[in-house]
């Protein structure tokens, strides 16, 4: 089954079961994702474009993407957004949104609809290789993780500039892998590492939790969405950087777990299998 069909069409119930051993298992793997070890960024990759016409093109493309996102979220998915006013508490600063990762198309458009400013999203460099859309991702705000020390340094500098000088919104999916329509919250594979951006810049974080519900008066089996914004959660000036990363990671996880319980429709079923032992 093609990846797009999985998230855009009603799937027979018998095909909506995923058996997993670990929360780090990936239900969806494209050819590009399976070869991620070989993916590198182009030489001299610009995390922030130098030329004004590239920046203008990027801003225009994002605006078109945002307009389409309004229809896609509110009409196609019948999504309702709750708590967007909370983001106004950070109107004078940049901030970071942490969200659950359950639908790659909604996960592109949803934060843009929720936020009150332009968003930039941390992505895997393998996404730049995706057919068709890959080359456009940086233009609508995708920031690929660096693959070597120089790239990581440049990526971190770009993120800090977007957050501090430009006061933009950074979006991170700490669960890493997309689990289609999953109604729980998985542990963060990287622990609290992705919370360093807010801590070192003393900026607030918010959570964005997508929940799933049965459509009313519809023949479609595909769920609709509710989206909950929570926060802000701030670093504590009396704690160390490590302590603050752990604090924010805990607060984000607990917030997402709390709101995830609003889901009342399991479109996909997830079944955990026992690990195989050497003697089995």
C-alpha atoms as a PDB file:
ATOM      1  CA  UNK A   1       0.000   0.000   0.000  1.00  0.00           C
ATOM      2  CA  UNK A   2       1.374   3.409  -0.968  1.00  0.00           C
ATOM      3  CA  UNK A   3       2.211   5.796   1.862  1.00  0.00           C
ATOM      4  CA  UNK A   4      -0.190   8.492   0.626  1.00  0.00           C
ATOM      5  CA  UNK A   5      -3.074   6.009   0.421  1.00  0.00           C
ATOM      6  CA  UNK A   6      -2.508   5.035   4.037  1.00  0.00           C
ATOM      7  CA  UNK A   7      -3.273   8.584   5.174  1.00  0.00           C
ATOM      8  CA  UNK A   8      -5.780   9.739   2.579  1.00  0.00           C
ATOM      9  CA  UNK A   9      -8.130   6.806   1.975  1.00  0.00           C
ATOM     10  CA  UNK A  10     -10.249   4.492   4.094  1.00  0.00           C
ATOM     11  CA  UNK A  11      -8.275   1.317   4.805  1.00  0.00           C
ATOM     12  CA  UNK A  12      -9.949  -2.102   5.258  1.00  0.00           C
ATOM     13  CA  UNK A  13     -10.067  -2.955   8.952  1.00  0.00           C
ATOM     14  CA  UNK A  14      -8.073  -6.161   8.476  1.00  0.00           C
ATOM     15  CA  UNK A  15      -5.131  -4.085   7.195  1.00  0.00           C
ATOM     16  CA  UNK A  16      -5.171  -1.669  10.128  1.00  0.00           C
ATOM     17  CA  UNK A  17      -3.021  -3.700  12.519  1.00  0.00           C
ATOM     18  CA  UNK A  18       0.654  -3.097  13.292  1.00  0.00           C
ATOM     19  CA  UNK A  19       2.653  -5.630  15.286  1.00  0.00           C
ATOM     20  CA  UNK A  20       5.687  -4.153  16.981  1.00  0.00           C
ATOM     21  CA  UNK A  21       8.434  -5.200  19.364  1.00  0.00           C
ATOM     22  CA  UNK A  22       9.814  -1.790  20.325  1.00  0.00           C
ATOM     23  CA  UNK A  23       8.365   1.720  20.300  1.00  0.00           C
ATOM     24  CA  UNK A  24      11.267   2.578  17.987  1.00  0.00           C
ATOM     25  CA  UNK A  25       9.935   0.220  15.299  1.00  0.00           C
ATOM     26  CA  UNK A  26       8.856   2.060  12.157  1.00  0.00           C
ATOM     27  CA  UNK A  27       5.509   1.044  10.605  1.00  0.00           C
ATOM     28  CA  UNK A  28       6.254   3.029   7.436  1.00  0.00           C
ATOM     29  CA  UNK A  29       9.538   2.846   5.581  1.00  0.00           C
ATOM     30  CA  UNK A  30      10.198   4.294   2.178  1.00  0.00           C
ATOM     31  CA  UNK A  31      13.160   3.208   0.087  1.00  0.00           C
ATOM     32  CA  UNK A  32      14.862   6.477   0.980  1.00  0.00           C
ATOM     33  CA  UNK A  33      14.347   5.932   4.715  1.00  0.00           C
ATOM     34  CA  UNK A  34      15.787   2.430   4.555  1.00  0.00           C
ATOM     35  CA  UNK A  35      18.945   3.917   3.034  1.00  0.00           C
ATOM     36  CA  UNK A  36      19.212   6.800   5.495  1.00  0.00           C
ATOM     37  CA  UNK A  37      22.741   5.825   6.527  1.00  0.00           C
ATOM     38  CA  UNK A  38      23.904   6.837   3.050  1.00  0.00           C
ATOM     39  CA  UNK A  39      22.132  10.208   2.952  1.00  0.00           C
ATOM     40  CA  UNK A  40      24.272  13.322   3.187  1.00  0.00           C
ATOM     41  CA  UNK A  41      23.533  16.993   2.646  1.00  0.00           C
ATOM     42  CA  UNK A  42      24.831  18.746  -0.495  1.00  0.00           C
ATOM     43  CA  UNK A  43      28.235  20.401  -0.129  1.00  0.00           C
ATOM     44  CA  UNK A  44      27.864  23.928   1.212  1.00  0.00           C
ATOM     45  CA  UNK A  45      24.234  23.406   2.171  1.00  0.00           C
ATOM     46  CA  UNK A  46      22.659  26.711   3.269  1.00  0.00           C
ATOM     47  CA  UNK A  47      20.448  26.294   6.325  1.00  0.00           C
ATOM     48  CA  UNK A  48      19.426  29.932   5.878  1.00  0.00           C
ATOM     49  CA  UNK A  49      19.489  31.165   2.254  1.00  0.00           C
ATOM     50  CA  UNK A  50      21.898  34.018   1.610  1.00  0.00           C
ATOM     51  CA  UNK A  51      20.157  35.529  -1.430  1.00  0.00           C
ATOM     52  CA  UNK A  52      17.137  37.754  -0.967  1.00  0.00           C
ATOM     53  CA  UNK A  53      15.246  36.288  -3.929  1.00  0.00           C
ATOM     54  CA  UNK A  54      15.520  32.786  -2.440  1.00  0.00           C
ATOM     55  CA  UNK A  55      14.198  34.099   0.882  1.00  0.00           C
ATOM     56  CA  UNK A  56      11.338  35.857  -0.960  1.00  0.00           C
ATOM     57  CA  UNK A  57      10.495  32.669  -2.856  1.00  0.00           C
ATOM     58  CA  UNK A  58      10.556  30.724   0.411  1.00  0.00           C
ATOM     59  CA  UNK A  59       8.248  33.207   2.156  1.00  0.00           C
ATOM     60  CA  UNK A  60       5.815  33.171  -0.793  1.00  0.00           C
ATOM     61  CA  UNK A  61       5.788  29.383  -0.952  1.00  0.00           C
ATOM     62  CA  UNK A  62       5.154  29.168   2.776  1.00  0.00           C
ATOM     63  CA  UNK A  63       2.210  31.555   2.490  1.00  0.00           C
ATOM     64  CA  UNK A  64       0.668  29.384  -0.244  1.00  0.00           C
ATOM     65  CA  UNK A  65       1.348  26.308   1.869  1.00  0.00           C
ATOM     66  CA  UNK A  66      -0.335  28.005   4.867  1.00  0.00           C
ATOM     67  CA  UNK A  67      -3.444  28.943   2.858  1.00  0.00           C
ATOM     68  CA  UNK A  68      -3.828  25.406   1.524  1.00  0.00           C
ATOM     69  CA  UNK A  69      -3.227  24.097   5.046  1.00  0.00           C
ATOM     70  CA  UNK A  70      -6.251  25.975   6.357  1.00  0.00           C
ATOM     71  CA  UNK A  71      -8.521  24.041   3.975  1.00  0.00           C
ATOM     72  CA  UNK A  72      -6.673  20.751   4.367  1.00  0.00           C
ATOM     73  CA  UNK A  73      -6.820  20.794   8.157  1.00  0.00           C
ATOM     74  CA  UNK A  74     -10.268  22.250   8.800  1.00  0.00           C
ATOM     75  CA  UNK A  75     -12.166  20.723   5.864  1.00  0.00           C
ATOM     76  CA  UNK A  76     -10.427  17.499   4.840  1.00  0.00           C
ATOM     77  CA  UNK A  77      -9.570  16.367   8.385  1.00  0.00           C
ATOM     78  CA  UNK A  78     -12.360  18.329  10.091  1.00  0.00           C
ATOM     79  CA  UNK A  79      -9.699  19.392  12.589  1.00  0.00           C
ATOM     80  CA  UNK A  80     -10.568  21.618  15.516  1.00  0.00           C
ATOM     81  CA  UNK A  81      -7.797  23.538  17.295  1.00  0.00           C
ATOM     82  CA  UNK A  82      -7.943  24.206  21.030  1.00  0.00           C
ATOM     83  CA  UNK A  83      -5.630  26.373  23.122  1.00  0.00           C
ATOM     84  CA  UNK A  84      -4.127  28.490  20.341  1.00  0.00           C
ATOM     85  CA  UNK A  85      -4.515  31.558  22.573  1.00  0.00           C
ATOM     86  CA  UNK A  86      -1.854  30.095  24.862  1.00  0.00           C
ATOM     87  CA  UNK A  87       0.727  30.836  22.175  1.00  0.00           C
ATOM     88  CA  UNK A  88       0.091  34.550  22.693  1.00  0.00           C
ATOM     89  CA  UNK A  89       1.896  34.240  26.025  1.00  0.00           C
ATOM     90  CA  UNK A  90       5.086  34.023  23.956  1.00  0.00           C
ATOM     91  CA  UNK A  91       4.230  36.774  21.474  1.00  0.00           C
ATOM     92  CA  UNK A  92       7.496  38.613  22.174  1.00  0.00           C
ATOM     93  CA  UNK A  93       9.817  35.625  21.829  1.00  0.00           C
ATOM     94  CA  UNK A  94      10.494  32.643  19.619  1.00  0.00           C
ATOM     95  CA  UNK A  95       9.298  29.289  20.918  1.00  0.00           C
ATOM     96  CA  UNK A  96       9.409  25.553  20.252  1.00  0.00           C
ATOM     97  CA  UNK A  97       6.429  23.269  19.650  1.00  0.00           C
ATOM     98  CA  UNK A  98       6.728  19.544  20.414  1.00  0.00           C
ATOM     99  CA  UNK A  99       4.086  17.381  18.745  1.00  0.00           C
ATOM    100  CA  UNK A 100       3.075  13.744  18.457  1.00  0.00           C
ATOM    101  CA  UNK A 101       3.944  12.144  15.112  1.00  0.00           C
ATOM    102  CA  UNK A 102       0.902  10.320  13.715  1.00  0.00           C
ATOM    103  CA  UNK A 103       0.263  11.597  10.183  1.00  0.00           C
ATOM    104  CA  UNK A 104       3.043  12.980   7.941  1.00  0.00           C
ATOM    105  CA  UNK A 105       0.669  15.179   5.909  1.00  0.00           C
ATOM    106  CA  UNK A 106      -1.142  16.674   8.895  1.00  0.00           C
ATOM    107  CA  UNK A 107       2.223  16.997  10.636  1.00  0.00           C
ATOM    108  CA  UNK A 108       3.372  19.283   7.815  1.00  0.00           C
ATOM    109  CA  UNK A 109       0.308  21.550   7.819  1.00  0.00           C
ATOM    110  CA  UNK A 110      -1.058  21.323  11.375  1.00  0.00           C
ATOM    111  CA  UNK A 111       1.631  23.329  13.199  1.00  0.00           C
ATOM    112  CA  UNK A 112       1.436  26.068  10.567  1.00  0.00           C
ATOM    113  CA  UNK A 113      -2.296  26.429  11.212  1.00  0.00           C
ATOM    114  CA  UNK A 114      -1.824  26.326  14.979  1.00  0.00           C
ATOM    115  CA  UNK A 115       1.076  28.775  15.277  1.00  0.00           C
ATOM    116  CA  UNK A 116       0.755  32.528  15.182  1.00  0.00           C
ATOM    117  CA  UNK A 117       3.898  32.990  13.085  1.00  0.00           C
ATOM    118  CA  UNK A 118       6.053  31.259  10.512  1.00  0.00           C
ATOM    119  CA  UNK A 119       7.245  27.795  11.479  1.00  0.00           C
ATOM    120  CA  UNK A 120      10.472  25.889  10.846  1.00  0.00           C
ATOM    121  CA  UNK A 121      10.541  22.138  11.369  1.00  0.00           C
ATOM    122  CA  UNK A 122      13.462  19.872  12.230  1.00  0.00           C
ATOM    123  CA  UNK A 123      13.498  17.022   9.698  1.00  0.00           C
ATOM    124  CA  UNK A 124      15.654  14.029   8.855  1.00  0.00           C
ATOM    125  CA  UNK A 125      17.981  14.711   5.893  1.00  0.00           C
ATOM    126  CA  UNK A 126      16.518  11.619   4.211  1.00  0.00           C
ATOM    127  CA  UNK A 127      13.305  13.603   3.666  1.00  0.00           C
ATOM    128  CA  UNK A 128      15.142  15.787   1.151  1.00  0.00           C
ATOM    129  CA  UNK A 129      15.353  12.692  -1.082  1.00  0.00           C
ATOM    130  CA  UNK A 130      11.599  12.062  -1.129  1.00  0.00           C
ATOM    131  CA  UNK A 131      10.255  12.150  -4.704  1.00  0.00           C
ATOM    132  CA  UNK A 132       8.521  15.369  -5.662  1.00  0.00           C
ATOM    133  CA  UNK A 133       8.201  17.154  -2.333  1.00  0.00           C
ATOM    134  CA  UNK A 134      11.715  16.604  -0.966  1.00  0.00           C
ATOM    135  CA  UNK A 135      13.390  19.531  -2.695  1.00  0.00           C
ATOM    136  CA  UNK A 136      10.622  21.909  -1.570  1.00  0.00           C
ATOM    137  CA  UNK A 137      10.786  21.055   2.140  1.00  0.00           C
ATOM    138  CA  UNK A 138      13.557  23.578   2.974  1.00  0.00           C
ATOM    139  CA  UNK A 139      11.585  26.279   1.148  1.00  0.00           C
ATOM    140  CA  UNK A 140       8.553  25.782   3.412  1.00  0.00           C
ATOM    141  CA  UNK A 141      10.637  25.610   6.574  1.00  0.00           C
ATOM    142  CA  UNK A 142      12.295  22.196   6.797  1.00  0.00           C
ATOM    143  CA  UNK A 143      15.622  22.268   8.683  1.00  0.00           C
ATOM    144  CA  UNK A 144      17.529  18.999   8.113  1.00  0.00           C
ATOM    145  CA  UNK A 145      19.683  17.586  10.870  1.00  0.00           C
ATOM    146  CA  UNK A 146      23.382  17.904  10.090  1.00  0.00           C
ATOM    147  CA  UNK A 147      25.227  14.724   9.133  1.00  0.00           C
ATOM    148  CA  UNK A 148      28.727  15.782  10.244  1.00  0.00           C
ATOM    149  CA  UNK A 149      30.231  18.148  12.805  1.00  0.00           C
ATOM    150  CA  UNK A 150      30.364  21.174  10.489  1.00  0.00           C
ATOM    151  CA  UNK A 151      26.766  20.690   9.365  1.00  0.00           C
ATOM    152  CA  UNK A 152      25.568  20.175  12.933  1.00  0.00           C
ATOM    153  CA  UNK A 153      27.259  23.405  13.977  1.00  0.00           C
ATOM    154  CA  UNK A 154      25.708  25.314  11.057  1.00  0.00           C
ATOM    155  CA  UNK A 155      22.305  23.775  11.735  1.00  0.00           C
ATOM    156  CA  UNK A 156      22.430  24.787  15.415  1.00  0.00           C
ATOM    157  CA  UNK A 157      23.438  28.330  14.495  1.00  0.00           C
ATOM    158  CA  UNK A 158      20.553  28.551  12.020  1.00  0.00           C
ATOM    159  CA  UNK A 159      18.047  27.300  14.600  1.00  0.00           C
ATOM    160  CA  UNK A 160      19.270  29.814  17.177  1.00  0.00           C
ATOM    161  CA  UNK A 161      18.971  32.640  14.656  1.00  0.00           C
ATOM    162  CA  UNK A 162      15.428  31.643  13.694  1.00  0.00           C
ATOM    163  CA  UNK A 163      14.381  31.448  17.337  1.00  0.00           C
ATOM    164  CA  UNK A 164      16.203  34.376  18.913  1.00  0.00           C
ATOM    165  CA  UNK A 165      16.771  37.046  16.258  1.00  0.00           C
ATOM    166  CA  UNK A 166      13.768  36.289  14.047  1.00  0.00           C
ATOM    167  CA  UNK A 167      11.446  35.122  16.870  1.00  0.00           C
ATOM    168  CA  UNK A 168      10.034  32.255  14.806  1.00  0.00           C
ATOM    169  CA  UNK A 169       8.494  28.941  15.831  1.00  0.00           C
ATOM    170  CA  UNK A 170      10.515  25.727  15.728  1.00  0.00           C
ATOM    171  CA  UNK A 171       8.596  22.435  15.447  1.00  0.00           C
ATOM    172  CA  UNK A 172      10.017  19.109  16.656  1.00  0.00           C
ATOM    173  CA  UNK A 173       8.542  15.592  16.639  1.00  0.00           C
ATOM    174  CA  UNK A 174      10.347  13.946  19.578  1.00  0.00           C
ATOM    175  CA  UNK A 175       8.782  10.514  18.917  1.00  0.00           C
ATOM    176  CA  UNK A 176      10.858  10.400  15.685  1.00  0.00           C
ATOM    177  CA  UNK A 177       8.880   7.678  13.845  1.00  0.00           C
ATOM    178  CA  UNK A 178       5.410   8.170  12.356  1.00  0.00           C
ATOM    179  CA  UNK A 179       2.865   5.752  13.819  1.00  0.00           C
ATOM    180  CA  UNK A 180      -0.328   6.126  11.758  1.00  0.00           C
ATOM    181  CA  UNK A 181      -3.258   7.367  13.840  1.00  0.00           C
ATOM    182  CA  UNK A 182      -1.626   6.222  17.090  1.00  0.00           C
ATOM    183  CA  UNK A 183      -3.622   7.461  20.078  1.00  0.00           C
ATOM    184  CA  UNK A 184      -0.931   7.064  22.722  1.00  0.00           C
ATOM    185  CA  UNK A 185       2.383   8.865  23.217  1.00  0.00           C
ATOM    186  CA  UNK A 186       5.642   6.985  22.695  1.00  0.00           C
ATOM    187  CA  UNK A 187       8.773   7.568  24.717  1.00  0.00           C
ATOM    188  CA  UNK A 188      11.178  10.023  23.100  1.00  0.00           C
ATOM    189  CA  UNK A 189      14.016   7.943  21.519  1.00  0.00           C
ATOM    190  CA  UNK A 190      16.552  10.746  21.892  1.00  0.00           C
ATOM    191  CA  UNK A 191      15.520  11.448  25.483  1.00  0.00           C
ATOM    192  CA  UNK A 192      15.811  15.143  26.311  1.00  0.00           C
ATOM    193  CA  UNK A 193      18.386  16.062  23.627  1.00  0.00           C
ATOM    194  CA  UNK A 194      15.906  17.885  21.396  1.00  0.00           C
ATOM    195  CA  UNK A 195      15.030  20.241  24.259  1.00  0.00           C
ATOM    196  CA  UNK A 196      18.447  21.922  24.100  1.00  0.00           C
ATOM    197  CA  UNK A 197      17.235  24.646  21.716  1.00  0.00           C
ATOM    198  CA  UNK A 198      14.792  26.140  24.206  1.00  0.00           C
ATOM    199  CA  UNK A 199      17.115  25.691  27.183  1.00  0.00           C
ATOM    200  CA  UNK A 200      20.205  27.350  25.780  1.00  0.00           C
ATOM    201  CA  UNK A 201      18.154  30.288  24.479  1.00  0.00           C
ATOM    202  CA  UNK A 202      15.902  30.506  27.571  1.00  0.00           C
ATOM    203  CA  UNK A 203      12.739  30.203  25.481  1.00  0.00           C
ATOM    204  CA  UNK A 204       9.360  28.613  26.221  1.00  0.00           C
ATOM    205  CA  UNK A 205       8.064  25.385  24.744  1.00  0.00           C
ATOM    206  CA  UNK A 206       4.526  24.310  23.924  1.00  0.00           C
ATOM    207  CA  UNK A 207       3.000  20.958  23.066  1.00  0.00           C
ATOM    208  CA  UNK A 208       0.677  20.160  20.194  1.00  0.00           C
ATOM    209  CA  UNK A 209      -1.220  16.902  20.634  1.00  0.00           C
ATOM    210  CA  UNK A 210      -3.386  15.476  17.847  1.00  0.00           C
ATOM    211  CA  UNK A 211      -6.269  13.227  18.882  1.00  0.00           C
ATOM    212  CA  UNK A 212      -8.550  11.032  16.747  1.00  0.00           C
ATOM    213  CA  UNK A 213     -12.328  10.762  16.663  1.00  0.00           C
ATOM    214  CA  UNK A 214     -15.093   9.126  14.649  1.00  0.00           C
ATOM    215  CA  UNK A 215     -16.595  11.334  11.953  1.00  0.00           C
ATOM    216  CA  UNK A 216     -20.239  12.223  12.507  1.00  0.00           C
ATOM    217  CA  UNK A 217     -22.820  11.770   9.756  1.00  0.00           C
ATOM    218  CA  UNK A 218     -20.233  10.400   7.356  1.00  0.00           C
ATOM    219  CA  UNK A 219     -19.849   7.169   5.434  1.00  0.00           C
ATOM    220  CA  UNK A 220     -16.075   7.514   5.706  1.00  0.00           C
ATOM    221  CA  UNK A 221     -14.249   5.396   8.242  1.00  0.00           C
ATOM    222  CA  UNK A 222     -11.227   7.703   8.213  1.00  0.00           C
ATOM    223  CA  UNK A 223     -11.034   9.597  11.541  1.00  0.00           C
ATOM    224  CA  UNK A 224     -11.223  13.307  12.106  1.00  0.00           C
ATOM    225  CA  UNK A 225      -8.848  15.244  14.384  1.00  0.00           C
ATOM    226  CA  UNK A 226      -8.787  17.523  17.387  1.00  0.00           C
ATOM    227  CA  UNK A 227      -5.566  19.415  18.131  1.00  0.00           C
ATOM    228  CA  UNK A 228      -4.666  20.650  21.621  1.00  0.00           C
ATOM    229  CA  UNK A 229      -2.034  23.317  22.374  1.00  0.00           C
ATOM    230  CA  UNK A 230      -0.583  23.361  25.896  1.00  0.00           C
ATOM    231  CA  UNK A 231       2.007  25.521  27.655  1.00  0.00           C
ATOM    232  CA  UNK A 232       4.075  27.540  27.922  1.00  0.00           C
ATOM    233  CA  UNK A 233       6.705  25.550  29.816  1.00  0.00           C
ATOM    234  CA  UNK A 234       9.829  27.548  30.635  1.00  0.00           C
ATOM    235  CA  UNK A 235      13.386  26.628  31.615  1.00  0.00           C
ATOM    236  CA  UNK A 236      14.154  27.226  35.301  1.00  0.00           C
ATOM    237  CA  UNK A 237      16.915  29.798  35.792  1.00  0.00           C
ATOM    238  CA  UNK A 238      18.101  28.026  38.946  1.00  0.00           C
ATOM    239  CA  UNK A 239      18.652  24.685  37.235  1.00  0.00           C
ATOM    240  CA  UNK A 240      21.553  23.490  35.097  1.00  0.00           C
ATOM    241  CA  UNK A 241      21.212  22.911  31.358  1.00  0.00           C
ATOM    242  CA  UNK A 242      20.971  19.144  31.846  1.00  0.00           C
ATOM    243  CA  UNK A 243      18.353  19.569  34.574  1.00  0.00           C
ATOM    244  CA  UNK A 244      16.312  21.922  32.409  1.00  0.00           C
ATOM    245  CA  UNK A 245      16.380  19.591  29.416  1.00  0.00           C
ATOM    246  CA  UNK A 246      15.101  16.777  31.634  1.00  0.00           C
ATOM    247  CA  UNK A 247      12.484  19.076  33.170  1.00  0.00           C
ATOM    248  CA  UNK A 248      11.090  20.246  29.838  1.00  0.00           C
ATOM    249  CA  UNK A 249      11.146  16.735  28.361  1.00  0.00           C
ATOM    250  CA  UNK A 250       9.161  15.446  31.330  1.00  0.00           C
ATOM    251  CA  UNK A 251       6.656  18.301  31.177  1.00  0.00           C
ATOM    252  CA  UNK A 252       6.185  17.910  27.418  1.00  0.00           C
ATOM    253  CA  UNK A 253       5.681  14.149  27.669  1.00  0.00           C
ATOM    254  CA  UNK A 254       3.204  14.444  30.556  1.00  0.00           C
ATOM    255  CA  UNK A 255       1.285  17.167  28.711  1.00  0.00           C
ATOM    256  CA  UNK A 256       1.032  15.120  25.529  1.00  0.00           C
ATOM    257  CA  UNK A 257      -0.048  12.026  27.453  1.00  0.00           C
ATOM    258  CA  UNK A 258      -2.745  14.055  29.219  1.00  0.00           C
ATOM    259  CA  UNK A 259      -4.238  15.421  26.001  1.00  0.00           C
ATOM    260  CA  UNK A 260      -3.837  12.156  24.078  1.00  0.00           C
ATOM    261  CA  UNK A 261      -6.451  10.630  26.385  1.00  0.00           C
ATOM    262  CA  UNK A 262      -9.036  12.756  24.562  1.00  0.00           C
ATOM    263  CA  UNK A 263      -8.809  10.305  21.635  1.00  0.00           C
ATOM    264  CA  UNK A 264     -11.814   8.001  21.459  1.00  0.00           C
ATOM    265  CA  UNK A 265     -11.317   6.237  18.133  1.00  0.00           C
ATOM    266  CA  UNK A 266      -8.571   3.683  17.413  1.00  0.00           C
ATOM    267  CA  UNK A 267      -8.500   3.619  13.627  1.00  0.00           C
ATOM    268  CA  UNK A 268      -5.279   1.582  13.749  1.00  0.00           C
ATOM    269  CA  UNK A 269      -4.605  -1.201  16.215  1.00  0.00           C
ATOM    270  CA  UNK A 270      -1.135  -1.621  17.695  1.00  0.00           C
ATOM    271  CA  UNK A 271      -0.185  -5.020  19.114  1.00  0.00           C
ATOM    272  CA  UNK A 272       3.064  -5.546  20.989  1.00  0.00           C
ATOM    273  CA  UNK A 273       4.889  -8.805  20.326  1.00  0.00           C
ATOM    274  CA  UNK A 274       7.322 -10.486  22.714  1.00  0.00           C
ATOM    275  CA  UNK A 275      10.975 -10.267  21.781  1.00  0.00           C
ATOM    276  CA  UNK A 276      12.443 -13.422  20.329  1.00  0.00           C
ATOM    277  CA  UNK A 277      15.068 -15.109  22.483  1.00  0.00           C
ATOM    278  CA  UNK A 278      17.990 -17.144  21.225  1.00  0.00           C
ATOM    279  CA  UNK A 279      16.298 -20.351  22.341  1.00  0.00           C
ATOM    280  CA  UNK A 280      12.916 -19.547  20.759  1.00  0.00           C
END
